[in-house]
Amino acid sequence: MKQWLPFHVPELDEDEIDSVVSVLRSGWLTTGPKVKQFEQEFAATTGVRHAIALNSCTAALHLALDAVDVQAGDEVIVPTMTFAATAEVVAYFKAKPVLVDCTEGTLNIDPEGLEKAITSKTKAIIPVHFAGHPCEMDEIMAIARSHNLPVIEDAAHALPARYRGKMIGTIGDSTCFSFYATKNMTTGEGGMVTTDNDEWAARIRTMSLHGLSRDAWNRYTSKGSWAYEILAPGFKYNLTDIAAALGIPQLHKCERFWKTRERYAALYSEGFRDLPEIICPRAADYVQHAWHLYVIQLDLERLRIGRNEFIEQLKERNIASSVHFIPLHLHPYYRDTGGYRPEDFPVASKAYPRVLSLPLYSKMTESDIENVITVITDVIRMHRR
């Protein structure tokens, strides 16, 4: 039997180690010159005016909503098929996250359902690029513009993704990225907001560090002053230079990481081609899928076991897997506060018991991919109806 295959292992080498060590030797550990370099390079890579580095994508989403002045009692539209962070940041404002179902193909937010969910209380829309496949941004932006609503993209999965030739990060009014340990590039923990709106960028930067006046981190340099002003009651969301030192070489390798993921995703799809029990993810021909996740759906009518037992079968054969996601409407908090029922979200409710995320990362080998295909084929043959 093969050795244990983790669900994810970040690809780090001497470039990252040397970069972090240089920061440690410099004596400047928190937000400083490396963060500024990281922001400038990320903005150049995505093609936006502003990139603000933060300590998580959750922080990015929170401050992006703050920048558009979400208030208690407002509504923000989010997909039910997403991670907790997308909706919980709305609750931070005592506003209401309004959940919308997904489409069958990509499991992205359904534009038709989104438009129906808009009310006089709607303040913003947060589409999530599930697994790295861009949402239908033309439709979403047209709907948003017709209702004069800002679009804040949750692109935690979507670096480097493109929609109709445009880089994700340049389409919505602001975009939030994640550099968590499992993402396509990592700073360990971290996030980024991109926007072309000067006013929002300034507000996000101020609120990310206690609401202090601009470039407050400079107060400990020879160019700075001990004096600062508190402009608003802000947060402690700044990224450190240590994390940015990890992020800069990761950003340089991001395209290579993506090409490997894309190749491995294609190998998976080819390997499962003759298994009707598996529905493979597909990328529309007008997008560049980031392939953060490779999410299959099991045709349970063709199998004698369910998804949970399928996961255990893989685990017994030394392969880790995961589930993305338990839809928000099935969690007690959202079920109870929103009065949601499974039948209110038929697509997500049907998909949830069937979805299964397979290992997919650049540090894997083709042999690892072949092993996963072999094991899954064997499990299906043993348990097909």
Protein backbone atom coordinates (compact mmCIF):
# COMPACT_ATOMS: atom_id res chain seq x y z
CA MET A 1 0.00 0.00 0.00
CA LYS A 2 1.20 3.50 -0.84
CA GLN A 3 2.29 5.99 1.81
CA TRP A 4 -0.26 8.43 3.23
CA LEU A 5 -1.14 11.14 0.70
CA PRO A 6 -2.13 14.35 2.52
CA PHE A 7 -4.95 16.52 1.21
CA HIS A 8 -2.51 19.38 0.78
CA VAL A 9 1.20 20.13 1.19
CA PRO A 10 2.53 23.62 0.34
CA GLU A 11 5.41 23.85 -2.10
CA LEU A 12 8.21 25.71 -0.33
CA ASP A 13 11.91 25.69 -1.10
CA GLU A 14 15.09 27.67 -0.44
CA ASP A 15 13.67 30.81 -2.08
CA GLU A 16 11.02 31.12 0.62
CA ILE A 17 13.40 30.14 3.41
CA ASP A 18 16.05 32.65 2.31
CA SER A 19 13.43 35.38 1.96
CA VAL A 20 12.06 34.83 5.45
CA VAL A 21 15.55 34.55 6.97
CA SER A 22 16.52 37.88 5.39
CA VAL A 23 13.58 39.52 7.16
CA LEU A 24 14.51 37.88 10.46
CA ARG A 25 18.06 39.18 10.07
CA SER A 26 16.80 42.67 9.22
CA GLY A 27 15.10 43.06 12.60
CA TRP A 28 11.92 44.45 11.01
CA LEU A 29 9.33 41.72 11.54
CA THR A 30 5.90 43.36 11.39
CA THR A 31 4.26 45.46 8.65
CA GLY A 32 7.02 47.24 6.76
CA PRO A 33 8.97 47.32 3.50
CA LYS A 34 8.35 43.68 2.56
CA VAL A 35 4.59 44.12 2.88
CA LYS A 36 4.79 47.20 0.67
CA GLN A 37 6.79 45.24 -1.93
CA PHE A 38 4.31 42.36 -1.78
CA GLU A 39 1.39 44.75 -2.31
CA GLN A 40 3.08 46.47 -5.24
CA GLU A 41 3.96 43.18 -6.97
CA PHE A 42 0.48 41.75 -6.38
CA ALA A 43 -1.15 44.88 -7.80
CA ALA A 44 1.10 44.66 -10.86
CA THR A 45 0.36 40.95 -11.32
CA THR A 46 -3.41 41.38 -11.16
CA GLY A 47 -3.51 44.72 -12.96
CA VAL A 48 -5.18 46.93 -10.33
CA ARG A 49 -4.43 50.30 -8.78
CA HIS A 50 -4.47 49.13 -5.17
CA ALA A 51 -3.61 45.91 -3.33
CA ILE A 52 -3.80 45.96 0.48
CA ALA A 53 -2.22 43.03 2.32
CA LEU A 54 -4.06 41.73 5.39
CA ASN A 55 -3.78 38.84 7.81
CA SER A 56 -6.61 36.80 6.24
CA CYS A 57 -9.18 36.75 3.49
CA THR A 58 -11.80 37.05 6.25
CA ALA A 59 -10.25 40.38 7.24
CA ALA A 60 -10.26 41.39 3.58
CA LEU A 61 -13.98 40.64 3.23
CA HIS A 62 -14.75 42.45 6.49
CA LEU A 63 -12.92 45.62 5.48
CA ALA A 64 -14.28 45.53 1.93
CA LEU A 65 -17.80 45.59 3.41
CA ASP A 66 -16.78 48.35 5.81
CA ALA A 67 -15.52 50.40 2.86
CA VAL A 68 -18.96 50.31 1.21
CA ASP A 69 -20.54 51.36 4.53
CA VAL A 70 -22.57 48.25 5.40
CA GLN A 71 -24.69 49.02 8.46
CA ALA A 72 -26.89 47.15 10.93
CA GLY A 73 -30.09 46.05 9.24
CA ASP A 74 -28.59 46.00 5.73
CA GLU A 75 -28.62 42.86 3.59
CA VAL A 76 -25.67 41.36 1.72
CA ILE A 77 -26.20 38.59 -0.83
CA VAL A 78 -23.88 35.57 -0.54
CA PRO A 79 -23.99 32.01 -1.91
CA THR A 80 -24.98 29.19 0.40
CA MET A 81 -22.24 27.00 -1.12
CA THR A 82 -19.28 28.66 0.57
CA PHE A 83 -17.12 28.68 3.69
CA ALA A 84 -18.24 30.33 6.93
CA ALA A 85 -16.16 33.49 6.41
CA THR A 86 -18.17 34.77 3.43
CA ALA A 87 -21.32 35.18 5.50
CA GLU A 88 -19.94 35.70 9.00
CA VAL A 89 -18.33 39.00 8.03
CA VAL A 90 -21.82 40.28 7.19
CA ALA A 91 -22.98 39.35 10.68
CA TYR A 92 -20.11 41.41 12.15
CA PHE A 93 -22.10 44.51 11.13
CA LYS A 94 -25.39 43.13 12.53
CA ALA A 95 -26.43 43.00 8.89
CA LYS A 96 -28.19 40.02 7.30
CA PRO A 97 -26.47 37.56 4.96
CA VAL A 98 -29.07 36.60 2.34
CA LEU A 99 -28.26 33.14 0.97
CA VAL A 100 -28.65 32.19 -2.69
CA ASP A 101 -28.51 28.75 -4.32
CA CYS A 102 -25.82 27.62 -6.76
CA THR A 103 -25.85 26.36 -10.33
CA GLU A 104 -25.51 22.64 -11.05
CA GLY A 105 -22.41 22.82 -13.21
CA THR A 106 -19.91 24.98 -11.37
CA LEU A 107 -21.64 25.23 -7.94
CA ASN A 108 -21.16 28.99 -8.27
CA ILE A 109 -23.88 31.44 -7.24
CA ASP A 110 -26.93 31.40 -9.52
CA PRO A 111 -27.31 34.86 -11.14
CA GLU A 112 -31.06 34.41 -11.54
CA GLY A 113 -31.45 33.58 -7.85
CA LEU A 114 -29.18 36.48 -6.98
CA GLU A 115 -31.38 38.98 -8.80
CA LYS A 116 -34.52 37.63 -7.12
CA ALA A 117 -32.87 38.06 -3.71
CA ILE A 118 -32.30 41.81 -4.12
CA THR A 119 -34.48 44.03 -1.92
CA SER A 120 -34.50 47.66 -0.88
CA LYS A 121 -32.20 46.65 2.00
CA THR A 122 -29.51 45.04 -0.17
CA LYS A 123 -26.17 46.82 0.29
CA ALA A 124 -23.69 44.57 -1.54
CA ILE A 125 -23.20 41.29 -3.42
CA ILE A 126 -20.43 38.76 -2.65
CA PRO A 127 -20.01 36.14 -5.39
CA VAL A 128 -17.62 33.29 -4.54
CA HIS A 129 -15.51 31.69 -7.27
CA PHE A 130 -16.07 28.13 -6.05
CA ALA A 131 -13.02 25.84 -6.37
CA GLY A 132 -11.38 28.44 -8.63
CA HIS A 133 -13.97 28.55 -11.45
CA PRO A 134 -15.00 32.17 -12.04
CA CYS A 135 -18.64 33.09 -11.51
CA GLU A 136 -20.72 34.47 -14.38
CA MET A 137 -19.35 37.94 -13.81
CA ASP A 138 -20.94 39.62 -16.85
CA GLU A 139 -24.40 38.72 -15.60
CA ILE A 140 -23.57 39.51 -11.99
CA MET A 141 -22.05 42.91 -12.80
CA ALA A 142 -25.00 43.81 -15.04
CA ILE A 143 -27.44 42.95 -12.26
CA ALA A 144 -25.37 44.87 -9.72
CA ARG A 145 -25.09 47.96 -11.93
CA SER A 146 -28.84 47.99 -12.63
CA HIS A 147 -29.45 48.12 -8.86
CA ASN A 148 -26.46 50.37 -8.07
CA LEU A 149 -24.86 47.73 -5.82
CA PRO A 150 -21.14 47.11 -5.22
CA VAL A 151 -19.72 43.67 -6.01
CA ILE A 152 -17.10 42.27 -3.63
CA GLU A 153 -15.59 39.12 -5.09
CA ASP A 154 -14.59 36.33 -2.73
CA ALA A 155 -11.61 35.00 -4.65
CA ALA A 156 -10.17 32.85 -1.87
CA HIS A 157 -9.99 30.00 -4.42
CA ALA A 158 -9.37 32.04 -7.54
CA LEU A 159 -5.70 32.92 -7.98
CA PRO A 160 -4.79 32.95 -10.83
CA ALA A 161 -8.19 32.73 -12.55
CA ARG A 162 -9.50 34.65 -15.55
CA TYR A 163 -12.96 35.38 -16.87
CA ARG A 164 -13.28 36.21 -20.57
CA GLY A 165 -9.63 37.23 -20.59
CA LYS A 166 -9.87 39.44 -17.50
CA MET A 167 -7.90 38.58 -14.39
CA ILE A 168 -10.01 37.85 -11.34
CA GLY A 169 -9.26 40.81 -9.11
CA THR A 170 -10.04 43.37 -11.80
CA ILE A 171 -13.74 42.77 -12.53
CA GLY A 172 -15.69 43.42 -9.34
CA ASP A 173 -15.52 46.65 -7.37
CA SER A 174 -13.16 44.95 -4.93
CA THR A 175 -11.76 41.43 -4.69
CA CYS A 176 -10.57 39.44 -1.68
CA PHE A 177 -7.87 36.77 -1.92
CA SER A 178 -6.65 34.17 0.57
CA PHE A 179 -3.08 33.03 1.21
CA TYR A 180 -4.01 30.40 3.79
CA ALA A 181 -1.71 27.37 3.98
CA THR A 182 -3.82 25.27 1.58
CA LYS A 183 -4.24 27.93 -1.12
CA ASN A 184 -2.56 28.06 -4.53
CA MET A 185 0.07 30.37 -3.02
CA THR A 186 0.56 30.92 0.68
CA THR A 187 1.88 33.24 3.35
CA GLY A 188 0.84 30.75 6.05
CA GLU A 189 -2.05 33.00 7.05
CA GLY A 190 -2.86 36.06 4.98
CA GLY A 191 -5.10 37.83 2.51
CA MET A 192 -5.29 40.71 0.04
CA VAL A 193 -7.89 43.21 -1.16
CA THR A 194 -7.63 44.61 -4.67
CA THR A 195 -9.60 47.62 -5.91
CA ASP A 196 -9.35 50.56 -8.28
CA ASN A 197 -11.32 52.76 -5.88
CA ASP A 198 -8.93 55.19 -4.19
CA GLU A 199 -11.33 56.08 -1.38
CA TRP A 200 -12.06 52.45 -0.47
CA ALA A 201 -8.37 51.54 -0.58
CA ALA A 202 -7.53 54.37 1.82
CA ARG A 203 -10.33 53.33 4.18
CA ILE A 204 -9.27 49.66 4.13
CA ARG A 205 -5.64 50.56 4.79
CA THR A 206 -6.59 52.79 7.72
CA MET A 207 -9.02 50.30 9.25
CA SER A 208 -6.51 47.45 8.94
CA LEU A 209 -4.30 49.00 11.65
CA HIS A 210 -6.47 50.33 14.47
CA GLY A 211 -7.82 53.19 12.39
CA LEU A 212 -4.48 54.99 12.64
CA SER A 213 -3.50 57.71 10.23
CA ARG A 214 -1.77 56.73 6.98
CA ASP A 215 1.59 54.93 7.09
CA ALA A 216 1.42 54.57 10.88
CA TRP A 217 3.97 51.75 10.65
CA ASN A 218 6.51 54.41 9.64
CA ARG A 219 6.49 55.81 13.17
CA TYR A 220 9.28 53.39 14.12
CA THR A 221 11.53 54.32 11.20
CA SER A 222 13.95 57.21 10.78
CA LYS A 223 11.42 58.79 8.40
CA GLY A 224 8.53 58.56 10.82
CA SER A 225 7.24 60.28 13.93
CA TRP A 226 5.87 59.00 17.21
CA ALA A 227 2.76 61.11 16.63
CA TYR A 228 -0.31 59.54 15.02
CA GLU A 229 -4.03 60.15 14.85
CA ILE A 230 -6.89 57.68 15.34
CA LEU A 231 -9.27 58.33 12.48
CA ALA A 232 -11.78 55.53 13.22
CA PRO A 233 -12.15 52.54 15.57
CA GLY A 234 -10.25 50.06 13.43
CA PHE A 235 -8.96 46.50 13.66
CA LYS A 236 -5.68 44.58 13.95
CA TYR A 237 -5.66 43.07 10.47
CA ASN A 238 -2.18 43.99 9.17
CA LEU A 239 0.10 41.43 7.49
CA THR A 240 3.64 40.99 8.80
CA ASP A 241 6.87 41.36 6.85
CA ILE A 242 7.65 37.74 7.74
CA ALA A 243 4.49 36.60 5.98
CA ALA A 244 5.08 38.94 3.04
CA ALA A 245 8.61 37.56 2.66
CA LEU A 246 7.01 34.16 2.19
CA GLY A 247 4.40 35.55 -0.19
CA ILE A 248 6.74 37.32 -2.62
CA PRO A 249 8.55 34.22 -3.95
CA GLN A 250 5.25 32.32 -3.84
CA LEU A 251 3.69 34.97 -6.06
CA HIS A 252 6.58 34.63 -8.50
CA LYS A 253 5.87 30.89 -8.75
CA CYS A 254 2.07 31.15 -8.79
CA GLU A 255 1.76 30.68 -12.55
CA ARG A 256 3.94 27.56 -12.46
CA PHE A 257 1.95 26.16 -9.55
CA TRP A 258 -1.25 26.76 -11.52
CA LYS A 259 0.04 25.03 -14.67
CA THR A 260 0.84 21.93 -12.62
CA ARG A 261 -2.62 21.98 -11.02
CA GLU A 262 -4.26 22.35 -14.41
CA ARG A 263 -2.28 19.40 -15.78
CA TYR A 264 -3.17 17.24 -12.78
CA ALA A 265 -6.84 18.19 -13.04
CA ALA A 266 -6.78 17.07 -16.68
CA LEU A 267 -5.18 13.75 -15.64
CA TYR A 268 -7.94 13.22 -13.07
CA SER A 269 -10.66 13.94 -15.63
CA GLU A 270 -9.12 11.59 -18.15
CA GLY A 271 -8.65 8.90 -15.51
CA PHE A 272 -12.32 9.05 -14.48
CA ARG A 273 -13.66 9.33 -18.04
CA ASP A 274 -15.07 5.80 -18.12
CA LEU A 275 -16.61 5.91 -14.63
CA PRO A 276 -20.25 7.04 -14.86
CA GLU A 277 -20.37 7.04 -11.06
CA ILE A 278 -18.20 10.17 -11.03
CA ILE A 279 -19.20 13.60 -12.31
CA CYS A 280 -15.99 15.53 -12.93
CA PRO A 281 -15.64 19.32 -12.71
CA ARG A 282 -15.40 21.15 -16.01
CA ALA A 283 -14.16 24.59 -16.93
CA ALA A 284 -16.15 26.77 -19.31
CA ASP A 285 -14.23 27.58 -22.48
CA TYR A 286 -14.21 31.31 -21.66
CA VAL A 287 -12.53 31.01 -18.25
CA GLN A 288 -9.18 30.08 -16.80
CA HIS A 289 -9.99 27.83 -13.86
CA ALA A 290 -7.56 28.34 -10.96
CA TRP A 291 -7.97 24.67 -9.98
CA HIS A 292 -7.65 25.36 -6.29
CA LEU A 293 -9.90 22.35 -5.73
CA TYR A 294 -10.82 19.32 -7.79
CA VAL A 295 -14.37 18.59 -6.65
CA ILE A 296 -16.09 15.49 -7.98
CA GLN A 297 -19.72 14.58 -7.44
CA LEU A 298 -20.68 10.98 -6.83
CA ASP A 299 -23.68 9.53 -8.65
CA LEU A 300 -25.06 7.90 -5.50
CA GLU A 301 -27.81 6.11 -7.42
CA ARG A 302 -25.07 4.00 -9.01
CA LEU A 303 -23.29 3.20 -5.72
CA ARG A 304 -24.08 1.05 -2.68
CA ILE A 305 -22.20 3.43 -0.34
CA GLY A 306 -22.62 7.11 0.42
CA ARG A 307 -20.10 9.94 0.21
CA ASN A 308 -19.03 9.71 3.87
CA GLU A 309 -18.24 6.01 3.57
CA PHE A 310 -16.47 6.71 0.27
CA ILE A 311 -14.18 9.12 2.14
CA GLU A 312 -13.46 6.43 4.74
CA GLN A 313 -12.64 3.94 2.00
CA LEU A 314 -10.06 6.36 0.59
CA LYS A 315 -8.67 6.99 4.06
CA GLU A 316 -8.22 3.25 4.60
CA ARG A 317 -6.14 3.24 1.41
CA ASN A 318 -3.98 6.16 2.65
CA ILE A 319 -5.59 8.95 0.61
CA ALA A 320 -6.89 12.10 2.29
CA SER A 321 -9.89 13.94 0.89
CA SER A 322 -12.30 16.62 2.04
CA VAL A 323 -15.73 18.15 1.49
CA HIS A 324 -16.31 21.65 0.09
CA PHE A 325 -18.67 22.73 1.50
CA ILE A 326 -21.39 22.03 3.98
CA PRO A 327 -23.79 24.67 2.60
CA LEU A 328 -24.46 27.52 5.01
CA HIS A 329 -28.21 26.89 5.14
CA LEU A 330 -27.55 23.49 6.75
CA HIS A 331 -25.61 24.99 9.67
CA PRO A 332 -27.61 25.67 12.85
CA TYR A 333 -26.82 29.39 13.02
CA TYR A 334 -27.98 30.23 9.48
CA ARG A 335 -30.81 27.71 9.55
CA ASP A 336 -32.20 29.24 12.73
CA THR A 337 -31.54 32.95 12.15
CA GLY A 338 -32.56 32.89 8.49
CA GLY A 339 -35.37 30.37 8.77
CA TYR A 340 -33.83 28.41 5.90
CA ARG A 341 -34.90 24.89 4.87
CA PRO A 342 -32.99 22.43 2.64
CA GLU A 343 -35.71 22.66 -0.02
CA ASP A 344 -35.10 26.41 -0.30
CA PHE A 345 -31.76 25.57 -1.96
CA PRO A 346 -32.45 22.48 -4.09
CA VAL A 347 -29.18 22.48 -6.08
CA ALA A 348 -26.85 22.93 -3.11
CA SER A 349 -28.88 20.54 -0.96
CA LYS A 350 -28.66 17.86 -3.65
CA ALA A 351 -24.96 18.46 -4.32
CA TYR A 352 -23.79 18.47 -0.70
CA PRO A 353 -24.10 14.69 0.00
CA ARG A 354 -22.34 14.00 -3.31
CA VAL A 355 -19.36 16.39 -3.36
CA LEU A 356 -15.86 15.18 -2.60
CA SER A 357 -12.60 17.14 -2.97
CA LEU A 358 -9.54 15.15 -4.05
CA PRO A 359 -5.91 16.04 -3.34
CA LEU A 360 -4.66 18.58 -5.87
CA TYR A 361 -1.46 20.57 -5.38
CA SER A 362 1.76 21.24 -7.19
CA LYS A 363 3.93 19.22 -4.82
CA MET A 364 2.10 16.04 -5.82
CA THR A 365 3.60 13.82 -8.51
CA GLU A 366 1.94 12.22 -11.51
CA SER A 367 2.39 8.93 -9.67
CA ASP A 368 0.29 10.34 -6.81
CA ILE A 369 -2.46 11.30 -9.26
CA GLU A 370 -2.37 7.85 -10.85
CA ASN A 371 -2.59 6.26 -7.42
CA VAL A 372 -5.70 8.30 -6.52
CA ILE A 373 -7.32 7.32 -9.83
CA THR A 374 -6.48 3.63 -9.27
CA VAL A 375 -7.82 3.62 -5.71
CA ILE A 376 -11.04 5.45 -6.62
CA THR A 377 -11.61 3.12 -9.57
CA ASP A 378 -11.15 0.15 -7.25
CA VAL A 379 -13.54 1.55 -4.61
CA ILE A 380 -16.18 2.17 -7.26
CA ARG A 381 -15.84 -1.31 -8.75
CA MET A 382 -16.29 -2.80 -5.28
CA HIS A 383 -19.36 -0.74 -4.43
CA ARG A 384 -21.20 -0.04 -7.68
CA ARG A 385 -24.78 -1.23 -7.98
